[in-house]
Amino acid sequence: MYLCICRAISEKCVQKAIESGCSSFEAIVEETGLSQGCGNCVCYAKEQCSLLLVEILEGKKEVNQSNAA
């Protein structure tokens, strides 16, 4: 699903940015250009990025913890 239509930034693009090291909305914006067009998507994009950050970073944390055990 697209989070930013102006820049054609999809959820998958944001996931890749997070997986490559972005850990905040600002970092995702810098990496992808998300919400840098008309700006109408900013609230929705922030909300979705927050959810994706938690989902992906928590998933990595769980994997690291299970590998350490």
PDB file of N, CA and C in Angstrom:
ATOM      1  N   MET A   1       0.838  -1.167   0.000  1.00  0.00           N
ATOM      2  CA  MET A   1       0.000   0.000   0.000  1.00  0.00           C
ATOM      3  C   MET A   1       0.893   1.244   0.000  1.00  0.00           C
ATOM      4  N   TYR A   2       0.479   2.267  -0.720  1.00  0.00           N
ATOM      5  CA  TYR A   2       1.232   3.519  -0.761  1.00  0.00           C
ATOM      6  C   TYR A   2       0.970   4.341   0.486  1.00  0.00           C
ATOM      7  N   LEU A   3       2.047   4.858   1.066  1.00  0.00           N
ATOM      8  CA  LEU A   3       1.924   5.783   2.192  1.00  0.00           C
ATOM      9  C   LEU A   3       1.986   7.218   1.677  1.00  0.00           C
ATOM     10  N   CYS A   4       2.665   7.426   0.560  1.00  0.00           N
ATOM     11  CA  CYS A   4       2.809   8.753  -0.040  1.00  0.00           C
ATOM     12  C   CYS A   4       2.611   8.596  -1.545  1.00  0.00           C
ATOM     13  N   ILE A   5       1.520   9.119  -2.031  1.00  0.00           N
ATOM     14  CA  ILE A   5       1.202   8.985  -3.447  1.00  0.00           C
ATOM     15  C   ILE A   5       2.091   9.893  -4.298  1.00  0.00           C
ATOM     16  N   CYS A   6       2.358  11.106  -3.820  1.00  0.00           N
ATOM     17  CA  CYS A   6       3.173  12.059  -4.589  1.00  0.00           C
ATOM     18  C   CYS A   6       4.544  11.490  -4.943  1.00  0.00           C
ATOM     19  N   ARG A   7       5.149  10.800  -3.994  1.00  0.00           N
ATOM     20  CA  ARG A   7       6.489  10.251  -4.184  1.00  0.00           C
ATOM     21  C   ARG A   7       6.482   8.745  -4.450  1.00  0.00           C
ATOM     22  N   ALA A   8       5.281   8.162  -4.524  1.00  0.00           N
ATOM     23  CA  ALA A   8       5.125   6.715  -4.754  1.00  0.00           C
ATOM     24  C   ALA A   8       5.938   5.901  -3.750  1.00  0.00           C
ATOM     25  N   ILE A   9       5.829   6.281  -2.474  1.00  0.00           N
ATOM     26  CA  ILE A   9       6.526   5.575  -1.400  1.00  0.00           C
ATOM     27  C   ILE A   9       5.558   4.566  -0.784  1.00  0.00           C
ATOM     28  N   SER A  10       5.917   3.307  -0.912  1.00  0.00           N
ATOM     29  CA  SER A  10       5.055   2.242  -0.409  1.00  0.00           C
ATOM     30  C   SER A  10       5.479   1.808   0.988  1.00  0.00           C
ATOM     31  N   GLU A  11       4.608   1.038   1.611  1.00  0.00           N
ATOM     32  CA  GLU A  11       4.910   0.457   2.915  1.00  0.00           C
ATOM     33  C   GLU A  11       6.160  -0.417   2.811  1.00  0.00           C
ATOM     34  N   LYS A  12       6.296  -1.123   1.721  1.00  0.00           N
ATOM     35  CA  LYS A  12       7.462  -1.997   1.505  1.00  0.00           C
ATOM     36  C   LYS A  12       8.754  -1.175   1.457  1.00  0.00           C
ATOM     37  N   CYS A  13       8.706  -0.018   0.838  1.00  0.00           N
ATOM     38  CA  CYS A  13       9.863   0.877   0.769  1.00  0.00           C
ATOM     39  C   CYS A  13      10.264   1.329   2.174  1.00  0.00           C
ATOM     40  N   VAL A  14       9.280   1.655   2.994  1.00  0.00           N
ATOM     41  CA  VAL A  14       9.537   2.070   4.371  1.00  0.00           C
ATOM     42  C   VAL A  14      10.101   0.896   5.175  1.00  0.00           C
ATOM     43  N   GLN A  15       9.565  -0.290   4.960  1.00  0.00           N
ATOM     44  CA  GLN A  15      10.087  -1.476   5.645  1.00  0.00           C
ATOM     45  C   GLN A  15      11.560  -1.683   5.319  1.00  0.00           C
ATOM     46  N   LYS A  16      11.927  -1.527   4.057  1.00  0.00           N
ATOM     47  CA  LYS A  16      13.324  -1.676   3.646  1.00  0.00           C
ATOM     48  C   LYS A  16      14.207  -0.624   4.306  1.00  0.00           C
ATOM     49  N   ALA A  17      13.697   0.608   4.418  1.00  0.00           N
ATOM     50  CA  ALA A  17      14.457   1.676   5.063  1.00  0.00           C
ATOM     51  C   ALA A  17      14.707   1.345   6.536  1.00  0.00           C
ATOM     52  N   ILE A  18      13.698   0.824   7.200  1.00  0.00           N
ATOM     53  CA  ILE A  18      13.841   0.443   8.609  1.00  0.00           C
ATOM     54  C   ILE A  18      14.831  -0.708   8.740  1.00  0.00           C
ATOM     55  N   GLU A  19      14.706  -1.682   7.883  1.00  0.00           N
ATOM     56  CA  GLU A  19      15.612  -2.836   7.918  1.00  0.00           C
ATOM     57  C   GLU A  19      17.048  -2.451   7.606  1.00  0.00           C
ATOM     58  N   SER A  20      17.230  -1.343   6.879  1.00  0.00           N
ATOM     59  CA  SER A  20      18.587  -0.893   6.563  1.00  0.00           C
ATOM     60  C   SER A  20      19.142   0.062   7.615  1.00  0.00           C
ATOM     61  N   GLY A  21      18.365   0.313   8.681  1.00  0.00           N
ATOM     62  CA  GLY A  21      18.908   1.092   9.791  1.00  0.00           C
ATOM     63  C   GLY A  21      18.138   2.323  10.226  1.00  0.00           C
ATOM     64  N   CYS A  22      17.135   2.741   9.503  1.00  0.00           N
ATOM     65  CA  CYS A  22      16.354   3.912   9.923  1.00  0.00           C
ATOM     66  C   CYS A  22      15.556   3.544  11.165  1.00  0.00           C
ATOM     67  N   SER A  23      15.633   4.397  12.191  1.00  0.00           N
ATOM     68  CA  SER A  23      14.946   4.080  13.442  1.00  0.00           C
ATOM     69  C   SER A  23      14.042   5.207  13.932  1.00  0.00           C
ATOM     70  N   SER A  24      13.721   6.145  13.045  1.00  0.00           N
ATOM     71  CA  SER A  24      12.796   7.221  13.399  1.00  0.00           C
ATOM     72  C   SER A  24      12.072   7.688  12.137  1.00  0.00           C
ATOM     73  N   PHE A  25      10.980   8.398  12.342  1.00  0.00           N
ATOM     74  CA  PHE A  25      10.237   8.937  11.197  1.00  0.00           C
ATOM     75  C   PHE A  25      11.129   9.868  10.387  1.00  0.00           C
ATOM     76  N   GLU A  26      11.890  10.709  11.069  1.00  0.00           N
ATOM     77  CA  GLU A  26      12.765  11.665  10.403  1.00  0.00           C
ATOM     78  C   GLU A  26      13.801  10.953   9.531  1.00  0.00           C
ATOM     79  N   ALA A  27      14.363   9.869  10.047  1.00  0.00           N
ATOM     80  CA  ALA A  27      15.349   9.100   9.272  1.00  0.00           C
ATOM     81  C   ALA A  27      14.699   8.462   8.046  1.00  0.00           C
ATOM     82  N   ILE A  28      13.477   7.977   8.210  1.00  0.00           N
ATOM     83  CA  ILE A  28      12.748   7.373   7.086  1.00  0.00           C
ATOM     84  C   ILE A  28      12.472   8.427   6.020  1.00  0.00           C
ATOM     85  N   VAL A  29      12.059   9.615   6.446  1.00  0.00           N
ATOM     86  CA  VAL A  29      11.800  10.715   5.510  1.00  0.00           C
ATOM     87  C   VAL A  29      13.070  11.057   4.737  1.00  0.00           C
ATOM     88  N   GLU A  30      14.175  11.163   5.454  1.00  0.00           N
ATOM     89  CA  GLU A  30      15.447  11.498   4.815  1.00  0.00           C
ATOM     90  C   GLU A  30      15.873  10.424   3.808  1.00  0.00           C
ATOM     91  N   GLU A  31      15.682   9.182   4.182  1.00  0.00           N
ATOM     92  CA  GLU A  31      16.090   8.047   3.328  1.00  0.00           C
ATOM     93  C   GLU A  31      15.193   7.880   2.105  1.00  0.00           C
ATOM     94  N   THR A  32      13.882   8.068   2.273  1.00  0.00           N
ATOM     95  CA  THR A  32      12.930   7.723   1.212  1.00  0.00           C
ATOM     96  C   THR A  32      12.279   8.908   0.506  1.00  0.00           C
ATOM     97  N   GLY A  33      12.248  10.074   1.151  1.00  0.00           N
ATOM     98  CA  GLY A  33      11.517  11.205   0.591  1.00  0.00           C
ATOM     99  C   GLY A  33      10.042  11.189   0.955  1.00  0.00           C
ATOM    100  N   LEU A  34       9.667  10.280   1.851  1.00  0.00           N
ATOM    101  CA  LEU A  34       8.276  10.149   2.302  1.00  0.00           C
ATOM    102  C   LEU A  34       7.721  11.483   2.774  1.00  0.00           C
ATOM    103  N   SER A  35       6.517  11.794   2.357  1.00  0.00           N
ATOM    104  CA  SER A  35       5.754  12.992   2.744  1.00  0.00           C
ATOM    105  C   SER A  35       6.434  14.305   2.368  1.00  0.00           C
ATOM    106  N   GLN A  36       7.274  14.274   1.356  1.00  0.00           N
ATOM    107  CA  GLN A  36       7.958  15.490   0.925  1.00  0.00           C
ATOM    108  C   GLN A  36       7.334  16.128  -0.310  1.00  0.00           C
ATOM    109  N   GLY A  37       6.182  15.600  -0.729  1.00  0.00           N
ATOM    110  CA  GLY A  37       5.464  16.182  -1.868  1.00  0.00           C
ATOM    111  C   GLY A  37       4.494  17.236  -1.365  1.00  0.00           C
ATOM    112  N   CYS A  38       3.223  16.960  -1.442  1.00  0.00           N
ATOM    113  CA  CYS A  38       2.186  17.919  -1.048  1.00  0.00           C
ATOM    114  C   CYS A  38       2.021  18.022   0.465  1.00  0.00           C
ATOM    115  N   GLY A  39       2.417  16.973   1.190  1.00  0.00           N
ATOM    116  CA  GLY A  39       2.329  17.000   2.650  1.00  0.00           C
ATOM    117  C   GLY A  39       1.035  16.469   3.233  1.00  0.00           C
ATOM    118  N   ASN A  40       0.073  16.113   2.384  1.00  0.00           N
ATOM    119  CA  ASN A  40      -1.206  15.625   2.897  1.00  0.00           C
ATOM    120  C   ASN A  40      -1.099  14.293   3.630  1.00  0.00           C
ATOM    121  N   CYS A  41      -0.065  13.540   3.380  1.00  0.00           N
ATOM    122  CA  CYS A  41       0.061  12.208   3.969  1.00  0.00           C
ATOM    123  C   CYS A  41       0.828  12.200   5.293  1.00  0.00           C
ATOM    124  N   VAL A  42       1.312  13.329   5.761  1.00  0.00           N
ATOM    125  CA  VAL A  42       2.217  13.359   6.917  1.00  0.00           C
ATOM    126  C   VAL A  42       1.635  12.636   8.130  1.00  0.00           C
ATOM    127  N   CYS A  43       0.422  12.942   8.527  1.00  0.00           N
ATOM    128  CA  CYS A  43      -0.165  12.313   9.724  1.00  0.00           C
ATOM    129  C   CYS A  43      -0.290  10.804   9.549  1.00  0.00           C
ATOM    130  N   TYR A  44      -0.826  10.381   8.422  1.00  0.00           N
ATOM    131  CA  TYR A  44      -0.990   8.955   8.153  1.00  0.00           C
ATOM    132  C   TYR A  44       0.378   8.275   8.062  1.00  0.00           C
ATOM    133  N   ALA A  45       1.322   8.911   7.383  1.00  0.00           N
ATOM    134  CA  ALA A  45       2.656   8.330   7.218  1.00  0.00           C
ATOM    135  C   ALA A  45       3.350   8.177   8.572  1.00  0.00           C
ATOM    136  N   LYS A  46       3.240   9.176   9.433  1.00  0.00           N
ATOM    137  CA  LYS A  46       3.847   9.077  10.769  1.00  0.00           C
ATOM    138  C   LYS A  46       3.247   7.915  11.553  1.00  0.00           C
ATOM    139  N   GLU A  47       1.944   7.800  11.497  1.00  0.00           N
ATOM    140  CA  GLU A  47       1.251   6.722  12.211  1.00  0.00           C
ATOM    141  C   GLU A  47       1.703   5.351  11.705  1.00  0.00           C
ATOM    142  N   GLN A  48       1.738   5.190  10.393  1.00  0.00           N
ATOM    143  CA  GLN A  48       2.129   3.909   9.819  1.00  0.00           C
ATOM    144  C   GLN A  48       3.604   3.596  10.060  1.00  0.00           C
ATOM    145  N   CYS A  49       4.441   4.616  10.000  1.00  0.00           N
ATOM    146  CA  CYS A  49       5.869   4.415  10.262  1.00  0.00           C
ATOM    147  C   CYS A  49       6.085   3.994  11.711  1.00  0.00           C
ATOM    148  N   SER A  50       5.356   4.591  12.628  1.00  0.00           N
ATOM    149  CA  SER A  50       5.474   4.204  14.036  1.00  0.00           C
ATOM    150  C   SER A  50       5.110   2.743  14.224  1.00  0.00           C
ATOM    151  N   LEU A  51       4.025   2.322  13.595  1.00  0.00           N
ATOM    152  CA  LEU A  51       3.611   0.920  13.688  1.00  0.00           C
ATOM    153  C   LEU A  51       4.653  -0.016  13.077  1.00  0.00           C
ATOM    154  N   LEU A  52       5.175   0.363  11.923  1.00  0.00           N
ATOM    155  CA  LEU A  52       6.175  -0.474  11.262  1.00  0.00           C
ATOM    156  C   LEU A  52       7.475  -0.522  12.058  1.00  0.00           C
ATOM    157  N   LEU A  53       7.872   0.613  12.630  1.00  0.00           N
ATOM    158  CA  LEU A  53       9.087   0.632  13.455  1.00  0.00           C
ATOM    159  C   LEU A  53       8.965  -0.334  14.623  1.00  0.00           C
ATOM    160  N   VAL A  54       7.850  -0.280  15.321  1.00  0.00           N
ATOM    161  CA  VAL A  54       7.642  -1.177  16.462  1.00  0.00           C
ATOM    162  C   VAL A  54       7.644  -2.623  15.994  1.00  0.00           C
ATOM    163  N   GLU A  55       6.884  -2.891  14.958  1.00  0.00           N
ATOM    164  CA  GLU A  55       6.763  -4.264  14.447  1.00  0.00           C
ATOM    165  C   GLU A  55       8.123  -4.833  14.031  1.00  0.00           C
ATOM    166  N   ILE A  56       8.869  -4.069  13.261  1.00  0.00           N
ATOM    167  CA  ILE A  56      10.135  -4.570  12.723  1.00  0.00           C
ATOM    168  C   ILE A  56      11.222  -4.601  13.785  1.00  0.00           C
ATOM    169  N   LEU A  57      11.348  -3.514  14.558  1.00  0.00           N
ATOM    170  CA  LEU A  57      12.413  -3.468  15.558  1.00  0.00           C
ATOM    171  C   LEU A  57      12.155  -4.442  16.702  1.00  0.00           C
ATOM    172  N   GLU A  58      10.912  -4.634  17.093  1.00  0.00           N
ATOM    173  CA  GLU A  58      10.594  -5.624  18.127  1.00  0.00           C
ATOM    174  C   GLU A  58      10.864  -7.034  17.601  1.00  0.00           C
ATOM    175  N   GLY A  59      10.565  -7.257  16.334  1.00  0.00           N
ATOM    176  CA  GLY A  59      10.836  -8.559  15.726  1.00  0.00           C
ATOM    177  C   GLY A  59      12.325  -8.864  15.726  1.00  0.00           C
ATOM    178  N   LYS A  60      13.141  -7.858  15.434  1.00  0.00           N
ATOM    179  CA  LYS A  60      14.593  -8.046  15.456  1.00  0.00           C
ATOM    180  C   LYS A  60      15.082  -8.320  16.867  1.00  0.00           C
ATOM    181  N   LYS A  61      14.489  -7.607  17.838  1.00  0.00           N
ATOM    182  CA  LYS A  61      14.887  -7.795  19.223  1.00  0.00           C
ATOM    183  C   LYS A  61      14.590  -9.224  19.674  1.00  0.00           C
ATOM    184  N   GLU A  62      13.421  -9.741  19.306  1.00  0.00           N
ATOM    185  CA  GLU A  62      13.032 -11.111  19.676  1.00  0.00           C
ATOM    186  C   GLU A  62      13.979 -12.126  19.031  1.00  0.00           C
ATOM    187  N   VAL A  63      14.350 -11.889  17.784  1.00  0.00           N
ATOM    188  CA  VAL A  63      15.267 -12.804  17.101  1.00  0.00           C
ATOM    189  C   VAL A  63      16.631 -12.779  17.800  1.00  0.00           C
ATOM    190  N   ASN A  64      17.110 -11.597  18.140  1.00  0.00           N
ATOM    191  CA  ASN A  64      18.402 -11.484  18.824  1.00  0.00           C
ATOM    192  C   ASN A  64      18.373 -12.159  20.182  1.00  0.00           C
ATOM    193  N   GLN A  65      17.278 -12.020  20.902  1.00  0.00           N
ATOM    194  CA  GLN A  65      17.171 -12.645  22.216  1.00  0.00           C
ATOM    195  C   GLN A  65      17.149 -14.177  22.096  1.00  0.00           C
ATOM    196  N   SER A  66      16.458 -14.686  21.101  1.00  0.00           N
ATOM    197  CA  SER A  66      16.392 -16.145  20.941  1.00  0.00           C
ATOM    198  C   SER A  66      17.736 -16.702  20.467  1.00  0.00           C
ATOM    199  N   ASN A  67      18.487 -15.909  19.717  1.00  0.00           N
ATOM    200  CA  ASN A  67      19.811 -16.347  19.273  1.00  0.00           C
ATOM    201  C   ASN A  67      20.808 -16.351  20.429  1.00  0.00           C
ATOM    202  N   ALA A  68      20.610 -15.466  21.400  1.00  0.00           N
ATOM    203  CA  ALA A  68      21.509 -15.360  22.548  1.00  0.00           C
ATOM    204  C   ALA A  68      21.263 -16.476  23.548  1.00  0.00           C
ATOM    205  N   ALA A  69      20.078 -17.064  23.517  1.00  0.00           N
ATOM    206  CA  ALA A  69      19.721 -18.108  24.497  1.00  0.00           C
ATOM    207  C   ALA A  69      20.308 -19.446  24.197  1.00  0.00           C
TER     208      ALA A  69
END
